[in-house]
Amino acid sequence: MTHIELNNKQKKVNQMDIGEIIGDALAYPFHNIKALVLYIVLGIIAAIIGGTTAISLVSAVGTKGLSSFALGGIGLIGTIIFIIMLFLIEGYALDIVKFGIERRVDGPGIDIGRQVSNAIKLIAVDIVYYIVPAVIIFVLGFIFQEWILSIISIILLIVFALANFMARCRLAKTDKLGDALAIGEAIGDISRVGIIKLIVTVILVFIIAIVIMFIVSFIATVNDLVGDILFGIALVYLIFFCHRAIGLLYSDV
């Protein structure tokens, strides 16, 4: 048996099933309490600032003069802080994907510069993976009838959404934006992971996220501040959970 065959056989033996991936991902946020607490605090601040910012911007529309200027300024500052918070959280999440690919049980260290850089790269990846299908659909709109175009659009959006997950994993694994933007390779990774396994895992993660957010939304009706705090906690937990699951999926590639 060749070295390549031995590696392939070992990889198949070590493959995780869907239940193992979900179970590991659900518990993973608690493996690095220091980072979890820090990002939960950031998430809570982001949620509170986000709510306050929205109120300020809406109020600014209905007022005039200095009051409108002040409220607009508060809203702008709040928006900037909110975006920075999300950058930090999203950038850290990419490192969680990397640790998932390597199947490490510990949590990534906190590196502000690296994680802001991660977030900027992720924005570039998201833009490409949603602009490309949009352009294709636009062009096909001149060729096909509406019902055919609708079917093609749904298929394209699903394929590129799954490919976007793979692109995030490629970026996490190599730290190279070019690898993430290799759309053909990212689409090929879907079959290497297993399209059924990928879709089922994504659906389960989505259902779990919906259930958690439904519970938070129900509790939030009691008090706005409590709702903001719970939303911040849930947001960070779900980001850790979702990205861990994605990383573990890609660890089979």
Protein backbone atom coordinates (compact mmCIF):
# COMPACT_ATOMS: atom_id res chain seq x y z
CA MET A 1 0.00 0.00 0.00
CA THR A 2 1.42 3.39 -1.03
CA HIS A 3 2.00 6.34 1.30
CA ILE A 4 -0.89 8.27 -0.32
CA GLU A 5 -3.25 5.32 0.11
CA LEU A 6 -2.26 5.03 3.76
CA ASN A 7 -2.94 8.74 4.30
CA ASN A 8 -6.35 8.48 2.60
CA LYS A 9 -7.24 5.42 4.69
CA GLN A 10 -6.18 7.17 7.90
CA LYS A 11 -8.25 10.25 6.95
CA LYS A 12 -11.36 8.11 6.44
CA VAL A 13 -10.83 6.45 9.82
CA ASN A 14 -10.52 9.86 11.50
CA GLN A 15 -13.54 11.44 9.82
CA MET A 16 -16.10 12.87 12.22
CA ASP A 17 -19.78 12.14 11.77
CA ILE A 18 -22.41 14.88 11.96
CA GLY A 19 -23.36 14.09 15.55
CA GLU A 20 -19.74 14.38 16.69
CA ILE A 21 -19.32 17.69 14.88
CA ILE A 22 -22.46 19.23 16.41
CA GLY A 23 -21.67 17.91 19.89
CA ASP A 24 -18.11 19.20 19.78
CA ALA A 25 -19.18 22.59 18.39
CA LEU A 26 -21.85 23.06 21.08
CA ALA A 27 -19.31 22.48 23.87
CA TYR A 28 -16.37 24.27 22.24
CA PRO A 29 -17.20 27.88 23.30
CA PHE A 30 -16.50 26.87 26.90
CA HIS A 31 -13.01 25.53 26.13
CA ASN A 32 -11.54 29.03 26.24
CA ILE A 33 -13.40 30.88 28.97
CA LYS A 34 -11.09 33.93 28.86
CA ALA A 35 -11.77 34.61 25.18
CA LEU A 36 -15.45 33.69 25.51
CA VAL A 37 -15.99 36.16 28.36
CA LEU A 38 -14.04 38.91 26.57
CA TYR A 39 -15.98 38.53 23.33
CA ILE A 40 -19.28 38.19 25.18
CA VAL A 41 -18.52 41.57 26.79
CA LEU A 42 -17.74 42.97 23.33
CA GLY A 43 -20.94 41.36 22.01
CA ILE A 44 -23.04 42.89 24.79
CA ILE A 45 -21.47 46.32 24.21
CA ALA A 46 -22.06 45.95 20.46
CA ALA A 47 -25.70 44.97 21.02
CA ILE A 48 -26.34 47.89 23.40
CA ILE A 49 -24.53 50.37 21.14
CA GLY A 50 -26.36 48.99 18.12
CA GLY A 51 -29.73 49.52 19.78
CA THR A 52 -28.80 53.00 21.02
CA THR A 53 -27.40 53.94 17.61
CA ALA A 54 -30.57 52.92 15.84
CA ILE A 55 -32.66 55.01 18.23
CA SER A 56 -30.33 58.03 17.77
CA LEU A 57 -30.44 57.84 13.99
CA VAL A 58 -34.22 57.51 13.91
CA SER A 59 -34.60 60.41 16.36
CA ALA A 60 -32.24 62.57 14.29
CA VAL A 61 -34.57 62.28 11.32
CA GLY A 62 -37.47 63.77 13.26
CA THR A 63 -35.59 66.70 14.81
CA LYS A 64 -33.99 69.90 13.53
CA GLY A 65 -30.98 72.11 14.23
CA LEU A 66 -28.32 71.25 16.82
CA SER A 67 -30.37 68.41 18.29
CA SER A 68 -30.49 66.67 14.94
CA PHE A 69 -26.74 67.20 14.44
CA ALA A 70 -25.93 65.87 17.93
CA LEU A 71 -28.12 62.80 17.55
CA GLY A 72 -26.69 62.13 14.11
CA GLY A 73 -23.16 62.43 15.51
CA ILE A 74 -23.94 60.01 18.31
CA GLY A 75 -25.42 57.63 15.77
CA LEU A 76 -22.32 57.85 13.54
CA ILE A 77 -19.92 57.24 16.43
CA GLY A 78 -22.06 54.36 17.62
CA THR A 79 -22.07 52.84 14.14
CA ILE A 80 -18.26 53.00 13.93
CA ILE A 81 -17.83 51.39 17.36
CA PHE A 82 -20.42 48.73 16.47
CA ILE A 83 -18.54 47.85 13.25
CA ILE A 84 -15.18 47.63 15.09
CA MET A 85 -16.71 45.29 17.67
CA LEU A 86 -18.10 43.04 14.95
CA PHE A 87 -14.73 43.09 13.17
CA LEU A 88 -12.99 41.82 16.31
CA ILE A 89 -15.56 39.09 16.89
CA GLU A 90 -15.67 37.97 13.24
CA GLY A 91 -11.88 38.00 12.95
CA TYR A 92 -11.53 35.82 16.02
CA ALA A 93 -14.12 33.45 14.56
CA LEU A 94 -11.85 32.77 11.57
CA ASP A 95 -9.15 31.60 13.98
CA ILE A 96 -11.76 29.30 15.53
CA VAL A 97 -12.27 27.79 12.06
CA LYS A 98 -8.50 27.22 11.82
CA PHE A 99 -8.43 25.46 15.19
CA GLY A 100 -11.42 23.37 14.09
CA ILE A 101 -9.61 22.29 10.91
CA GLU A 102 -6.64 21.26 13.06
CA ARG A 103 -9.05 19.68 15.60
CA ARG A 104 -7.42 21.51 18.45
CA VAL A 105 -9.48 21.56 21.64
CA ASP A 106 -8.03 24.82 22.98
CA GLY A 107 -9.07 28.30 21.90
CA PRO A 108 -7.13 30.76 19.73
CA GLY A 109 -5.15 33.50 21.41
CA ILE A 110 -6.43 37.07 21.24
CA ASP A 111 -4.48 39.00 18.59
CA ILE A 112 -6.31 42.25 17.78
CA GLY A 113 -4.23 43.13 14.71
CA ARG A 114 -4.50 39.68 13.17
CA GLN A 115 -8.20 39.40 13.86
CA VAL A 116 -9.04 42.80 12.37
CA SER A 117 -7.04 41.72 9.31
CA ASN A 118 -9.04 38.47 9.25
CA ALA A 119 -12.31 40.40 9.27
CA ILE A 120 -11.23 42.63 6.37
CA LYS A 121 -10.26 39.56 4.33
CA LEU A 122 -13.60 37.93 5.14
CA ILE A 123 -15.44 40.99 3.83
CA ALA A 124 -13.53 40.67 0.54
CA VAL A 125 -14.42 36.96 0.36
CA ASP A 126 -18.11 37.60 1.06
CA ILE A 127 -18.29 40.36 -1.56
CA VAL A 128 -16.80 38.11 -4.26
CA TYR A 129 -18.92 35.08 -3.42
CA TYR A 130 -22.16 37.04 -3.55
CA ILE A 131 -21.35 39.41 -6.41
CA VAL A 132 -20.33 36.62 -8.81
CA PRO A 133 -23.66 34.73 -8.65
CA ALA A 134 -25.53 38.05 -8.79
CA VAL A 135 -23.73 38.95 -12.02
CA ILE A 136 -24.36 35.49 -13.49
CA ILE A 137 -28.06 35.70 -12.62
CA PHE A 138 -28.28 39.19 -14.13
CA VAL A 139 -26.75 37.99 -17.41
CA LEU A 140 -28.91 34.86 -17.53
CA GLY A 141 -31.96 37.09 -17.05
CA PHE A 142 -31.58 38.16 -20.67
CA ILE A 143 -31.55 34.54 -21.87
CA PHE A 144 -34.00 32.44 -19.87
CA GLN A 145 -37.66 32.76 -18.96
CA GLU A 146 -38.52 33.88 -15.44
CA TRP A 147 -39.38 30.45 -14.00
CA ILE A 148 -36.21 28.87 -15.37
CA LEU A 149 -34.17 31.81 -14.10
CA SER A 150 -35.71 31.37 -10.63
CA ILE A 151 -34.61 27.72 -10.45
CA ILE A 152 -31.10 28.54 -11.70
CA SER A 153 -30.86 31.44 -9.23
CA ILE A 154 -31.75 29.24 -6.25
CA ILE A 155 -29.19 26.61 -7.28
CA LEU A 156 -26.48 29.22 -7.85
CA LEU A 157 -27.12 30.93 -4.51
CA ILE A 158 -26.99 27.62 -2.63
CA VAL A 159 -23.78 26.53 -4.38
CA PHE A 160 -22.04 29.86 -3.77
CA ALA A 161 -23.23 30.04 -0.16
CA LEU A 162 -21.72 26.59 0.48
CA ALA A 163 -18.61 27.56 -1.48
CA ASN A 164 -18.34 30.65 0.74
CA PHE A 165 -18.12 28.36 3.78
CA MET A 166 -15.33 26.46 2.04
CA ALA A 167 -13.59 29.72 1.11
CA ARG A 168 -13.57 30.77 4.76
CA CYS A 169 -11.97 27.45 5.64
CA ARG A 170 -9.37 27.84 2.90
CA LEU A 171 -8.53 31.32 4.21
CA ALA A 172 -8.32 30.04 7.79
CA LYS A 173 -6.11 27.12 6.78
CA THR A 174 -3.57 29.03 4.67
CA ASP A 175 -4.02 32.70 5.66
CA LYS A 176 -3.91 33.45 1.92
CA LEU A 177 -6.72 35.51 0.38
CA GLY A 178 -5.90 34.10 -3.05
CA ASP A 179 -6.70 30.56 -1.87
CA ALA A 180 -10.05 31.73 -0.54
CA LEU A 181 -10.89 33.52 -3.79
CA ALA A 182 -10.15 30.44 -5.92
CA ILE A 183 -13.85 29.86 -6.56
CA GLY A 184 -13.40 26.65 -8.56
CA GLU A 185 -11.32 25.07 -5.79
CA ALA A 186 -13.80 26.18 -3.13
CA ILE A 187 -16.68 24.63 -5.07
CA GLY A 188 -14.60 21.47 -5.46
CA ASP A 189 -14.16 21.35 -1.68
CA ILE A 190 -17.93 20.93 -1.35
CA SER A 191 -17.72 17.48 -2.90
CA ARG A 192 -14.58 16.66 -0.93
CA VAL A 193 -16.37 17.42 2.35
CA GLY A 194 -19.52 15.66 1.08
CA ILE A 195 -22.44 17.76 -0.10
CA ILE A 196 -25.03 15.83 1.93
CA LYS A 197 -22.92 16.00 5.08
CA LEU A 198 -22.30 19.70 4.52
CA ILE A 199 -25.96 20.57 3.89
CA VAL A 200 -27.27 18.50 6.82
CA THR A 201 -24.71 20.04 9.20
CA VAL A 202 -25.52 23.57 8.02
CA ILE A 203 -29.25 22.92 8.46
CA LEU A 204 -28.74 21.56 11.99
CA VAL A 205 -26.54 24.52 12.93
CA PHE A 206 -29.17 26.89 11.52
CA ILE A 207 -31.98 25.19 13.46
CA ILE A 208 -30.01 25.33 16.72
CA ALA A 209 -29.24 29.02 16.12
CA ILE A 210 -32.92 29.77 15.43
CA VAL A 211 -34.03 27.99 18.62
CA ILE A 212 -31.49 29.86 20.75
CA MET A 213 -32.39 33.24 19.24
CA PHE A 214 -36.11 32.50 19.63
CA ILE A 215 -35.58 31.84 23.35
CA VAL A 216 -33.52 35.04 23.68
CA SER A 217 -36.16 37.06 21.80
CA PHE A 218 -38.89 35.72 24.08
CA ILE A 219 -36.96 36.65 27.23
CA ALA A 220 -36.05 40.04 25.72
CA THR A 221 -39.70 41.08 25.76
CA VAL A 222 -39.39 41.48 29.54
CA ASN A 223 -36.77 44.27 29.38
CA ASP A 224 -34.85 45.97 26.55
CA LEU A 225 -31.54 46.06 28.44
CA VAL A 226 -31.83 42.42 29.44
CA GLY A 227 -32.66 41.64 25.83
CA ASP A 228 -29.54 43.47 24.57
CA ILE A 229 -27.33 41.62 27.07
CA LEU A 230 -28.80 38.22 26.21
CA PHE A 231 -28.58 38.96 22.49
CA GLY A 232 -24.87 39.84 22.87
CA ILE A 233 -24.19 36.60 24.76
CA ALA A 234 -26.15 34.50 22.27
CA LEU A 235 -24.50 36.17 19.27
CA VAL A 236 -20.98 35.41 20.49
CA TYR A 237 -21.85 31.86 21.52
CA LEU A 238 -23.41 31.14 18.12
CA ILE A 239 -20.44 32.63 16.26
CA PHE A 240 -18.09 30.35 18.21
CA PHE A 241 -20.40 27.37 17.71
CA CYS A 242 -21.03 27.88 13.97
CA HIS A 243 -17.40 28.48 13.03
CA ARG A 244 -16.20 25.51 15.07
CA ALA A 245 -18.65 23.29 13.19
CA ILE A 246 -17.46 24.65 9.82
CA GLY A 247 -13.82 24.04 10.77
CA LEU A 248 -14.49 20.47 11.87
CA LEU A 249 -16.30 19.78 8.61
CA TYR A 250 -13.32 20.98 6.62
CA SER A 251 -10.88 18.93 8.73
CA ASP A 252 -11.87 15.91 6.59
CA VAL A 253 -10.52 17.56 3.40
